[in-house]
C-alpha atoms as a PDB file:
ATOM      1  CA  MET A   1     -27.183  -0.296  -5.884  1.00  0.00           C
ATOM      2  CA  SER A   2     -27.456   1.916  -8.957  1.00  0.00           C
ATOM      3  CA  ALA A   3     -27.911   4.996  -6.768  1.00  0.00           C
ATOM      4  CA  ALA A   4     -24.760   4.165  -4.795  1.00  0.00           C
ATOM      5  CA  LEU A   5     -22.806   3.571  -8.013  1.00  0.00           C
ATOM      6  CA  GLY A   6     -24.027   6.845  -9.463  1.00  0.00           C
ATOM      7  CA  ARG A   7     -23.035   8.716  -6.294  1.00  0.00           C
ATOM      8  CA  ALA A   8     -19.582   7.093  -6.391  1.00  0.00           C
ATOM      9  CA  LEU A   9     -19.046   8.015 -10.040  1.00  0.00           C
ATOM     10  CA  ARG A  10     -20.072  11.612  -9.338  1.00  0.00           C
ATOM     11  CA  HIS A  11     -17.460  11.830  -6.589  1.00  0.00           C
ATOM     12  CA  ARG A  12     -14.483  13.286  -8.428  1.00  0.00           C
ATOM     13  CA  SER A  13     -11.738  12.015  -6.090  1.00  0.00           C
ATOM     14  CA  PHE A  14     -13.164   8.506  -6.024  1.00  0.00           C
ATOM     15  CA  ALA A  15     -13.623   8.360  -9.807  1.00  0.00           C
ATOM     16  CA  ILE A  16     -10.089   9.572 -10.600  1.00  0.00           C
ATOM     17  CA  GLY A  17      -8.563   7.355  -7.905  1.00  0.00           C
ATOM     18  CA  ALA A  18     -10.507   4.322  -9.134  1.00  0.00           C
ATOM     19  CA  ILE A  19      -9.340   4.880 -12.719  1.00  0.00           C
ATOM     20  CA  LEU A  20      -5.672   5.254 -11.730  1.00  0.00           C
ATOM     21  CA  THR A  21      -5.835   2.244  -9.395  1.00  0.00           C
ATOM     22  CA  LEU A  22      -7.532   0.168 -12.095  1.00  0.00           C
ATOM     23  CA  MET A  23      -4.757   1.095 -14.523  1.00  0.00           C
ATOM     24  CA  LEU A  24      -2.173  -0.086 -11.975  1.00  0.00           C
ATOM     25  CA  LEU A  25      -3.998  -3.390 -11.496  1.00  0.00           C
ATOM     26  CA  LEU A  26      -4.392  -3.887 -15.241  1.00  0.00           C
ATOM     27  CA  ALA A  27      -0.681  -3.257 -15.806  1.00  0.00           C
ATOM     28  CA  ALA A  28       0.248  -5.792 -13.123  1.00  0.00           C
ATOM     29  CA  THR A  29      -2.231  -8.355 -14.457  1.00  0.00           C
ATOM     30  CA  LEU A  30      -1.048  -7.866 -18.034  1.00  0.00           C
ATOM     31  CA  SER A  31       2.561  -8.507 -16.986  1.00  0.00           C
ATOM     32  CA  LEU A  32       1.556 -11.983 -15.803  1.00  0.00           C
ATOM     33  CA  VAL A  33       0.681 -13.088 -19.332  1.00  0.00           C
ATOM     34  CA  TRP A  34       2.431 -10.674 -21.709  1.00  0.00           C
ATOM     35  CA  THR A  35       5.191  -8.085 -21.950  1.00  0.00           C
ATOM     36  CA  PRO A  36       6.527  -6.541 -25.191  1.00  0.00           C
ATOM     37  CA  TRP A  37       9.994  -7.944 -24.430  1.00  0.00           C
ATOM     38  CA  SER A  38      11.520 -10.073 -21.704  1.00  0.00           C
ATOM     39  CA  PRO A  39      12.352  -7.794 -18.750  1.00  0.00           C
ATOM     40  CA  TYR A  40      15.325 -10.050 -17.904  1.00  0.00           C
ATOM     41  CA  GLU A  41      16.959 -10.165 -21.360  1.00  0.00           C
ATOM     42  CA  ILE A  42      20.098  -8.038 -21.653  1.00  0.00           C
ATOM     43  CA  ASP A  43      21.084  -6.726 -25.081  1.00  0.00           C
ATOM     44  CA  MET A  44      23.973  -4.269 -24.855  1.00  0.00           C
ATOM     45  CA  SER A  45      23.737  -3.556 -28.581  1.00  0.00           C
ATOM     46  CA  ALA A  46      20.299  -1.994 -27.999  1.00  0.00           C
ATOM     47  CA  LYS A  47      21.115   0.038 -24.905  1.00  0.00           C
ATOM     48  CA  LEU A  48      19.720   3.553 -24.379  1.00  0.00           C
ATOM     49  CA  GLN A  49      17.549   3.527 -27.478  1.00  0.00           C
ATOM     50  CA  PRO A  50      14.900   6.291 -27.671  1.00  0.00           C
ATOM     51  CA  PRO A  51      11.168   5.445 -27.821  1.00  0.00           C
ATOM     52  CA  SER A  52      10.279   3.718 -31.064  1.00  0.00           C
ATOM     53  CA  ALA A  53       7.810   1.285 -32.586  1.00  0.00           C
ATOM     54  CA  GLY A  54       9.955  -1.608 -31.353  1.00  0.00           C
ATOM     55  CA  HIS A  55      10.537  -0.216 -27.855  1.00  0.00           C
ATOM     56  CA  TRP A  56       7.643   2.062 -26.934  1.00  0.00           C
ATOM     57  CA  LEU A  57       9.467   3.789 -24.075  1.00  0.00           C
ATOM     58  CA  GLY A  58      13.007   3.050 -25.184  1.00  0.00           C
ATOM     59  CA  THR A  59      15.622   0.844 -23.516  1.00  0.00           C
ATOM     60  CA  ASP A  60      17.735   1.124 -20.359  1.00  0.00           C
ATOM     61  CA  PRO A  61      21.582   0.974 -20.030  1.00  0.00           C
ATOM     62  CA  PHE A  62      21.435  -2.825 -20.303  1.00  0.00           C
ATOM     63  CA  GLY A  63      19.255  -2.854 -23.414  1.00  0.00           C
ATOM     64  CA  ARG A  64      16.127  -3.997 -21.561  1.00  0.00           C
ATOM     65  CA  ASP A  65      12.750  -2.725 -22.697  1.00  0.00           C
ATOM     66  CA  VAL A  66      11.534   0.036 -20.340  1.00  0.00           C
ATOM     67  CA  THR A  67       7.851  -0.734 -20.962  1.00  0.00           C
ATOM     68  CA  SER A  68       8.346  -4.354 -19.895  1.00  0.00           C
ATOM     69  CA  LEU A  69      10.275  -3.246 -16.797  1.00  0.00           C
ATOM     70  CA  LEU A  70       7.471  -0.884 -15.788  1.00  0.00           C
ATOM     71  CA  LEU A  71       4.787  -3.559 -16.227  1.00  0.00           C
ATOM     72  CA  VAL A  72       6.626  -6.153 -14.144  1.00  0.00           C
ATOM     73  CA  GLY A  73       7.621  -3.468 -11.625  1.00  0.00           C
ATOM     74  CA  ALA A  74       3.923  -2.729 -11.078  1.00  0.00           C
ATOM     75  CA  ARG A  75       3.347  -6.400 -10.250  1.00  0.00           C
ATOM     76  CA  ASN A  76       6.164  -6.420  -7.690  1.00  0.00           C
ATOM     77  CA  SER A  77       4.928  -3.180  -6.104  1.00  0.00           C
ATOM     78  CA  ILE A  78       1.411  -4.604  -5.713  1.00  0.00           C
ATOM     79  CA  LEU A  79       2.817  -7.838  -4.279  1.00  0.00           C
ATOM     80  CA  VAL A  80       4.766  -5.966  -1.619  1.00  0.00           C
ATOM     81  CA  GLY A  81       1.829  -3.684  -0.869  1.00  0.00           C
ATOM     82  CA  VAL A  82      -0.741  -6.474  -0.528  1.00  0.00           C
ATOM     83  CA  ILE A  83       1.377  -8.650   1.776  1.00  0.00           C
ATOM     84  CA  ALA A  84       2.677  -5.757   3.894  1.00  0.00           C
ATOM     85  CA  VAL A  85      -0.786  -4.234   4.344  1.00  0.00           C
ATOM     86  CA  SER A  86      -2.235  -7.668   5.120  1.00  0.00           C
ATOM     87  CA  ILE A  87       0.334  -8.120   7.897  1.00  0.00           C
ATOM     88  CA  GLY A  88      -0.472  -4.722   9.357  1.00  0.00           C
ATOM     89  CA  LEU A  89      -4.226  -5.134   8.959  1.00  0.00           C
ATOM     90  CA  GLY A  90      -4.341  -8.613  10.497  1.00  0.00           C
ATOM     91  CA  PHE A  91      -2.163  -8.068  13.554  1.00  0.00           C
ATOM     92  CA  GLY A  92      -3.023  -4.387  14.024  1.00  0.00           C
ATOM     93  CA  THR A  93      -6.779  -4.975  13.961  1.00  0.00           C
ATOM     94  CA  LEU A  94      -6.551  -7.778  16.511  1.00  0.00           C
ATOM     95  CA  LEU A  95      -4.412  -5.662  18.845  1.00  0.00           C
ATOM     96  CA  GLY A  96      -6.726  -2.650  18.468  1.00  0.00           C
ATOM     97  CA  LEU A  97      -9.827  -4.732  19.182  1.00  0.00           C
ATOM     98  CA  LEU A  98      -8.114  -6.267  22.214  1.00  0.00           C
ATOM     99  CA  ALA A  99      -7.151  -2.840  23.553  1.00  0.00           C
ATOM    100  CA  ALA A 100     -10.697  -1.516  23.129  1.00  0.00           C
ATOM    101  CA  ALA A 101     -12.336  -4.611  24.652  1.00  0.00           C
ATOM    102  CA  ARG A 102     -10.111  -5.048  27.698  1.00  0.00           C
ATOM    103  CA  ARG A 103      -9.096  -1.466  28.528  1.00  0.00           C
ATOM    104  CA  GLY A 104      -6.923  -0.874  31.608  1.00  0.00           C
ATOM    105  CA  TRP A 105      -3.330  -2.085  31.591  1.00  0.00           C
ATOM    106  CA  VAL A 106      -3.893  -4.176  28.443  1.00  0.00           C
ATOM    107  CA  GLU A 107      -4.855  -1.097  26.413  1.00  0.00           C
ATOM    108  CA  GLU A 108      -1.999   0.915  27.911  1.00  0.00           C
ATOM    109  CA  ALA A 109       0.573  -1.802  27.125  1.00  0.00           C
ATOM    110  CA  ILE A 110      -0.587  -2.163  23.502  1.00  0.00           C
ATOM    111  CA  MET A 111      -0.582   1.568  22.869  1.00  0.00           C
ATOM    112  CA  ARG A 112       2.868   2.035  24.412  1.00  0.00           C
ATOM    113  CA  LEU A 113       4.154  -0.842  22.272  1.00  0.00           C
ATOM    114  CA  ALA A 114       2.681   0.928  19.242  1.00  0.00           C
ATOM    115  CA  ASP A 115       4.500   4.130  20.214  1.00  0.00           C
ATOM    116  CA  PHE A 116       7.747   2.167  20.528  1.00  0.00           C
ATOM    117  CA  THR A 117       7.280   0.615  17.063  1.00  0.00           C
ATOM    118  CA  PHE A 118       6.725   4.069  15.532  1.00  0.00           C
ATOM    119  CA  ALA A 119      10.284   4.926  16.586  1.00  0.00           C
ATOM    120  CA  PHE A 120      11.581   2.507  13.923  1.00  0.00           C
ATOM    121  CA  PRO A 121      10.357   3.559  10.448  1.00  0.00           C
ATOM    122  CA  ALA A 122      10.136   1.038   7.635  1.00  0.00           C
ATOM    123  CA  ILE A 123      13.418   2.115   6.031  1.00  0.00           C
ATOM    124  CA  LEU A 124      15.321   1.981   9.334  1.00  0.00           C
ATOM    125  CA  SER A 125      13.798  -1.423  10.125  1.00  0.00           C
ATOM    126  CA  ALA A 126      14.786  -2.697   6.671  1.00  0.00           C
ATOM    127  CA  ILE A 127      18.348  -1.499   7.196  1.00  0.00           C
ATOM    128  CA  MET A 128      18.521  -3.412  10.491  1.00  0.00           C
ATOM    129  CA  LEU A 129      17.028  -6.560   8.918  1.00  0.00           C
ATOM    130  CA  THR A 130      19.411  -6.264   5.980  1.00  0.00           C
ATOM    131  CA  ALA A 131      22.402  -6.063   8.299  1.00  0.00           C
ATOM    132  CA  VAL A 132      21.357  -9.361   9.884  1.00  0.00           C
ATOM    133  CA  PHE A 133      19.682 -11.344   7.090  1.00  0.00           C
ATOM    134  CA  GLY A 134      20.792  -9.608   3.883  1.00  0.00           C
ATOM    135  CA  ALA A 135      18.933  -7.404   1.381  1.00  0.00           C
ATOM    136  CA  GLY A 136      15.815  -8.727  -0.296  1.00  0.00           C
ATOM    137  CA  ILE A 137      12.131  -8.278  -0.968  1.00  0.00           C
ATOM    138  CA  VAL A 138      11.117 -10.520   1.957  1.00  0.00           C
ATOM    139  CA  ASN A 139      12.864  -8.316   4.511  1.00  0.00           C
ATOM    140  CA  SER A 140      11.291  -5.239   2.914  1.00  0.00           C
ATOM    141  CA  ILE A 141       7.818  -6.766   3.221  1.00  0.00           C
ATOM    142  CA  ILE A 142       8.429  -7.658   6.874  1.00  0.00           C
ATOM    143  CA  ALA A 143       9.737  -4.178   7.689  1.00  0.00           C
ATOM    144  CA  ILE A 144       6.851  -2.379   5.974  1.00  0.00           C
ATOM    145  CA  GLY A 145       4.304  -4.806   7.445  1.00  0.00           C
ATOM    146  CA  VAL A 146       5.590  -4.380  10.998  1.00  0.00           C
ATOM    147  CA  PHE A 147       5.490  -0.603  10.586  1.00  0.00           C
ATOM    148  CA  ASN A 148       1.826  -0.868   9.495  1.00  0.00           C
ATOM    149  CA  ILE A 149       0.760  -2.789  12.623  1.00  0.00           C
ATOM    150  CA  PRO A 150       0.691   0.169  15.078  1.00  0.00           C
ATOM    151  CA  THR A 151      -1.110   2.335  12.511  1.00  0.00           C
ATOM    152  CA  PHE A 152      -3.965  -0.153  12.169  1.00  0.00           C
ATOM    153  CA  ALA A 153      -3.945  -0.791  15.927  1.00  0.00           C
ATOM    154  CA  ARG A 154      -4.492   2.909  16.657  1.00  0.00           C
ATOM    155  CA  VAL A 155      -7.217   3.315  14.020  1.00  0.00           C
ATOM    156  CA  THR A 156      -8.996   0.167  15.228  1.00  0.00           C
ATOM    157  CA  ARG A 157      -8.825   1.169  18.889  1.00  0.00           C
ATOM    158  CA  ALA A 158     -10.116   4.700  18.260  1.00  0.00           C
ATOM    159  CA  SER A 159     -12.962   3.502  16.032  1.00  0.00           C
ATOM    160  CA  ALA A 160     -13.871   0.628  18.375  1.00  0.00           C
ATOM    161  CA  ASN A 161     -13.933   2.866  21.452  1.00  0.00           C
ATOM    162  CA  ALA A 162     -16.474   5.106  19.715  1.00  0.00           C
ATOM    163  CA  VAL A 163     -18.710   2.105  18.962  1.00  0.00           C
ATOM    164  CA  TRP A 164     -18.402   0.640  22.478  1.00  0.00           C
ATOM    165  CA  SER A 165     -20.263   3.670  23.857  1.00  0.00           C
ATOM    166  CA  ARG A 166     -23.235   3.247  21.513  1.00  0.00           C
ATOM    167  CA  GLU A 167     -26.680   2.215  22.794  1.00  0.00           C
ATOM    168  CA  PHE A 168     -26.920  -1.054  20.844  1.00  0.00           C
ATOM    169  CA  VAL A 169     -23.644  -2.236  22.420  1.00  0.00           C
ATOM    170  CA  LEU A 170     -24.983  -1.442  25.884  1.00  0.00           C
ATOM    171  CA  ALA A 171     -28.107  -3.394  24.989  1.00  0.00           C
ATOM    172  CA  ALA A 172     -26.008  -6.362  23.891  1.00  0.00           C
ATOM    173  CA  ARG A 173     -24.093  -6.278  27.182  1.00  0.00           C
ATOM    174  CA  SER A 174     -27.326  -6.164  29.154  1.00  0.00           C
ATOM    175  CA  CYS A 175     -28.446  -9.309  27.278  1.00  0.00           C
ATOM    176  CA  GLY A 176     -25.420 -11.168  28.636  1.00  0.00           C
ATOM    177  CA  LYS A 177     -23.100 -11.104  25.640  1.00  0.00           C
ATOM    178  CA  GLY A 178     -19.405 -11.249  26.502  1.00  0.00           C
ATOM    179  CA  PRO A 179     -16.814  -8.725  25.300  1.00  0.00           C
ATOM    180  CA  TRP A 180     -15.469 -10.936  22.499  1.00  0.00           C
ATOM    181  CA  ARG A 181     -18.930 -11.846  21.252  1.00  0.00           C
ATOM    182  CA  ILE A 182     -19.795  -8.150  21.147  1.00  0.00           C
ATOM    183  CA  THR A 183     -16.471  -7.358  19.456  1.00  0.00           C
ATOM    184  CA  PHE A 184     -17.007  -9.700  16.509  1.00  0.00           C
ATOM    185  CA  ASP A 185     -20.808  -9.353  16.268  1.00  0.00           C
ATOM    186  CA  HIS A 186     -21.134  -5.589  16.652  1.00  0.00           C
ATOM    187  CA  ILE A 187     -17.817  -3.721  16.891  1.00  0.00           C
ATOM    188  CA  LEU A 188     -15.892  -5.148  13.941  1.00  0.00           C
ATOM    189  CA  PRO A 189     -18.727  -4.830  11.369  1.00  0.00           C
ATOM    190  CA  ASN A 190     -19.198  -1.173  12.332  1.00  0.00           C
ATOM    191  CA  ILE A 191     -15.527  -0.214  11.921  1.00  0.00           C
ATOM    192  CA  LEU A 192     -14.837  -2.096   8.674  1.00  0.00           C
ATOM    193  CA  SER A 193     -15.300   1.044   6.580  1.00  0.00           C
ATOM    194  CA  ALA A 194     -12.595   2.879   8.548  1.00  0.00           C
ATOM    195  CA  LEU A 195     -10.247  -0.093   8.183  1.00  0.00           C
ATOM    196  CA  ILE A 196     -10.850  -0.311   4.419  1.00  0.00           C
ATOM    197  CA  VAL A 197     -10.068   3.372   3.967  1.00  0.00           C
ATOM    198  CA  GLN A 198      -6.921   3.082   6.107  1.00  0.00           C
ATOM    199  CA  ALA A 199      -5.817  -0.023   4.170  1.00  0.00           C
ATOM    200  CA  THR A 200      -6.076   1.907   0.909  1.00  0.00           C
ATOM    201  CA  ILE A 201      -3.919   4.716   2.269  1.00  0.00           C
ATOM    202  CA  GLN A 202      -1.357   2.302   3.741  1.00  0.00           C
ATOM    203  CA  PHE A 203      -1.224   0.497   0.390  1.00  0.00           C
ATOM    204  CA  ALA A 204      -0.043   3.720  -1.241  1.00  0.00           C
ATOM    205  CA  LEU A 205       2.537   4.257   1.500  1.00  0.00           C
ATOM    206  CA  ALA A 206       3.743   0.651   1.114  1.00  0.00           C
ATOM    207  CA  ILE A 207       4.347   1.161  -2.614  1.00  0.00           C
ATOM    208  CA  LEU A 208       6.253   4.360  -1.859  1.00  0.00           C
ATOM    209  CA  ALA A 209       8.298   2.646   0.870  1.00  0.00           C
ATOM    210  CA  GLU A 210       9.149  -0.297  -1.415  1.00  0.00           C
ATOM    211  CA  ALA A 211      10.347   2.108  -4.100  1.00  0.00           C
ATOM    212  CA  ALA A 212      12.488   3.966  -1.559  1.00  0.00           C
ATOM    213  CA  LEU A 213      14.011   0.739  -0.217  1.00  0.00           C
ATOM    214  CA  SER A 214      14.733  -0.530  -3.739  1.00  0.00           C
ATOM    215  CA  TYR A 215      16.305   2.824  -4.591  1.00  0.00           C
ATOM    216  CA  LEU A 216      18.668   2.327  -1.635  1.00  0.00           C
ATOM    217  CA  GLY A 217      19.405  -1.239  -2.745  1.00  0.00           C
ATOM    218  CA  LEU A 218      17.560  -2.824   0.193  1.00  0.00           C
ATOM    219  CA  GLY A 219      14.356  -3.885  -1.542  1.00  0.00           C
ATOM    220  CA  THR A 220      13.697  -5.925  -4.667  1.00  0.00           C
ATOM    221  CA  GLN A 221      16.981  -7.381  -5.912  1.00  0.00           C
ATOM    222  CA  PRO A 222      18.130  -7.968  -9.515  1.00  0.00           C
ATOM    223  CA  PRO A 223      17.071  -9.394 -11.873  1.00  0.00           C
ATOM    224  CA  GLN A 224      13.533  -8.642 -10.623  1.00  0.00           C
ATOM    225  CA  PRO A 225      12.406  -5.221 -11.954  1.00  0.00           C
ATOM    226  CA  SER A 226      11.519  -2.478  -9.477  1.00  0.00           C
ATOM    227  CA  TRP A 227      10.452   1.111 -10.000  1.00  0.00           C
ATOM    228  CA  GLY A 228      12.747   2.286  -7.223  1.00  0.00           C
ATOM    229  CA  ARG A 229      15.796   0.533  -8.643  1.00  0.00           C
ATOM    230  CA  MET A 230      14.978   1.900 -12.102  1.00  0.00           C
ATOM    231  CA  LEU A 231      15.275   5.370 -10.572  1.00  0.00           C
ATOM    232  CA  ALA A 232      18.573   4.467  -8.933  1.00  0.00           C
ATOM    233  CA  GLU A 233      19.996   3.142 -12.215  1.00  0.00           C
ATOM    234  CA  ALA A 234      18.843   6.263 -14.084  1.00  0.00           C
ATOM    235  CA  GLN A 235      20.368   8.840 -11.732  1.00  0.00           C
ATOM    236  CA  THR A 236      23.792   8.644 -13.384  1.00  0.00           C
ATOM    237  CA  LEU A 237      22.226   9.185 -16.822  1.00  0.00           C
ATOM    238  CA  MET A 238      20.128  12.257 -16.093  1.00  0.00           C
ATOM    239  CA  PHE A 239      21.759  14.317 -18.852  1.00  0.00           C
ATOM    240  CA  GLN A 240      22.247  11.469 -21.310  1.00  0.00           C
ATOM    241  CA  ALA A 241      18.810   9.814 -21.008  1.00  0.00           C
ATOM    242  CA  PRO A 242      16.571  11.815 -18.610  1.00  0.00           C
ATOM    243  CA  MET A 243      13.402   9.927 -19.581  1.00  0.00           C
ATOM    244  CA  LEU A 244      14.726   6.815 -17.841  1.00  0.00           C
ATOM    245  CA  ALA A 245      14.061   8.588 -14.553  1.00  0.00           C
ATOM    246  CA  VAL A 246      10.810  10.205 -15.681  1.00  0.00           C
ATOM    247  CA  PHE A 247       8.952   6.996 -16.557  1.00  0.00           C
ATOM    248  CA  PRO A 248       9.331   5.147 -13.226  1.00  0.00           C
ATOM    249  CA  GLY A 249       8.902   8.409 -11.317  1.00  0.00           C
ATOM    250  CA  VAL A 250       5.595   9.097 -13.058  1.00  0.00           C
ATOM    251  CA  ALA A 251       4.505   5.492 -12.446  1.00  0.00           C
ATOM    252  CA  ILE A 252       5.170   5.804  -8.701  1.00  0.00           C
ATOM    253  CA  ALA A 253       3.458   9.193  -8.536  1.00  0.00           C
ATOM    254  CA  LEU A 254       0.337   8.011 -10.380  1.00  0.00           C
ATOM    255  CA  ALA A 255       0.053   4.826  -8.287  1.00  0.00           C
ATOM    256  CA  VAL A 256       0.347   6.700  -4.984  1.00  0.00           C
ATOM    257  CA  LEU A 257      -1.942   9.509  -6.170  1.00  0.00           C
ATOM    258  CA  GLY A 258      -4.586   7.056  -7.367  1.00  0.00           C
ATOM    259  CA  LEU A 259      -4.650   5.090  -4.111  1.00  0.00           C
ATOM    260  CA  ASN A 260      -4.743   8.255  -1.995  1.00  0.00           C
ATOM    261  CA  LEU A 261      -7.616   9.703  -4.040  1.00  0.00           C
ATOM    262  CA  LEU A 262      -9.413   6.354  -3.831  1.00  0.00           C
ATOM    263  CA  GLY A 263      -8.992   6.334  -0.056  1.00  0.00           C
ATOM    264  CA  ASP A 264     -10.297   9.915   0.253  1.00  0.00           C
ATOM    265  CA  GLY A 265     -13.271   9.048  -1.927  1.00  0.00           C
ATOM    266  CA  LEU A 266     -14.080   5.902   0.057  1.00  0.00           C
ATOM    267  CA  ARG A 267     -13.898   7.881   3.300  1.00  0.00           C
ATOM    268  CA  ASP A 268     -16.422  10.410   2.001  1.00  0.00           C
ATOM    269  CA  LEU A 269     -18.755   7.783   0.545  1.00  0.00           C
ATOM    270  CA  MET A 270     -18.680   5.516   3.596  1.00  0.00           C
ATOM    271  CA  ASP A 271     -19.254   8.297   6.143  1.00  0.00           C
ATOM    272  CA  PRO A 272     -23.022   8.988   6.309  1.00  0.00           C
ATOM    273  CA  ARG A 273     -22.456  12.471   7.698  1.00  0.00           C
ATOM    274  CA  LEU A 274     -20.238  13.477   4.776  1.00  0.00           C
ATOM    275  CA  THR A 275     -22.656  11.825   2.338  1.00  0.00           C
ATOM    276  CA  ARG A 276     -25.540  13.910   3.654  1.00  0.00           C
ATOM    277  CA  LYS A 277     -23.498  17.092   3.339  1.00  0.00           C
ATOM    278  CA  ARG A 278     -22.801  16.321  -0.308  1.00  0.00           C
END
């Protein structure tokens, strides 16, 4: 255990990614119990104030504290990411395992369905859902989650197909185990590392997609804070108060960078071949 922890800490990408991801989680957790000011309280007399002891990062055009908005925005980004990735991971893994276990027309149908889903990106899907059901965070989560399903299905199928050809799987089949028993006893445990790495990467993409949808007015709706909407509100004040765009932009960049570095580090640490090379 200590050797594995030491190896992980020596891995630069993993260490930096873990620190940035931990900061994101701490910010979201802190917003549940404390923020410097209420992120929903409007005070026009305090609008566009520069950073000070009272408002660490200043205030926005409505007099709201930027620090409080960033903290609560981190919580909303994590909420969208967790639910959307869970949707993709749950349904995509089941479809990928089914395709690898059954092969034939079942595998072909699932993969062609995945190709069809890729033709509708998360933003386009959200626009279609918004036209029917109205803008909101729920439709954003559904759109991002549905877009994640074919990604996890492809990763699961490719990883499972590689395991199905291994000797211990052939031995299990010769002992009379059925395809589903083999899938959950042998295939799934051996591809969990690939799924964890992919989930980390998709989490970063989900945060980026939520920010983009909120920027377009299709994601998180007022009065709930969102990093993407903070960028949209700041674009008309670029010359008057440029830092209003810098703070949420840096927050999005650090969150996505941290999760991507964490995913790269996990991939290296969980792959025995790459571990031996290091």
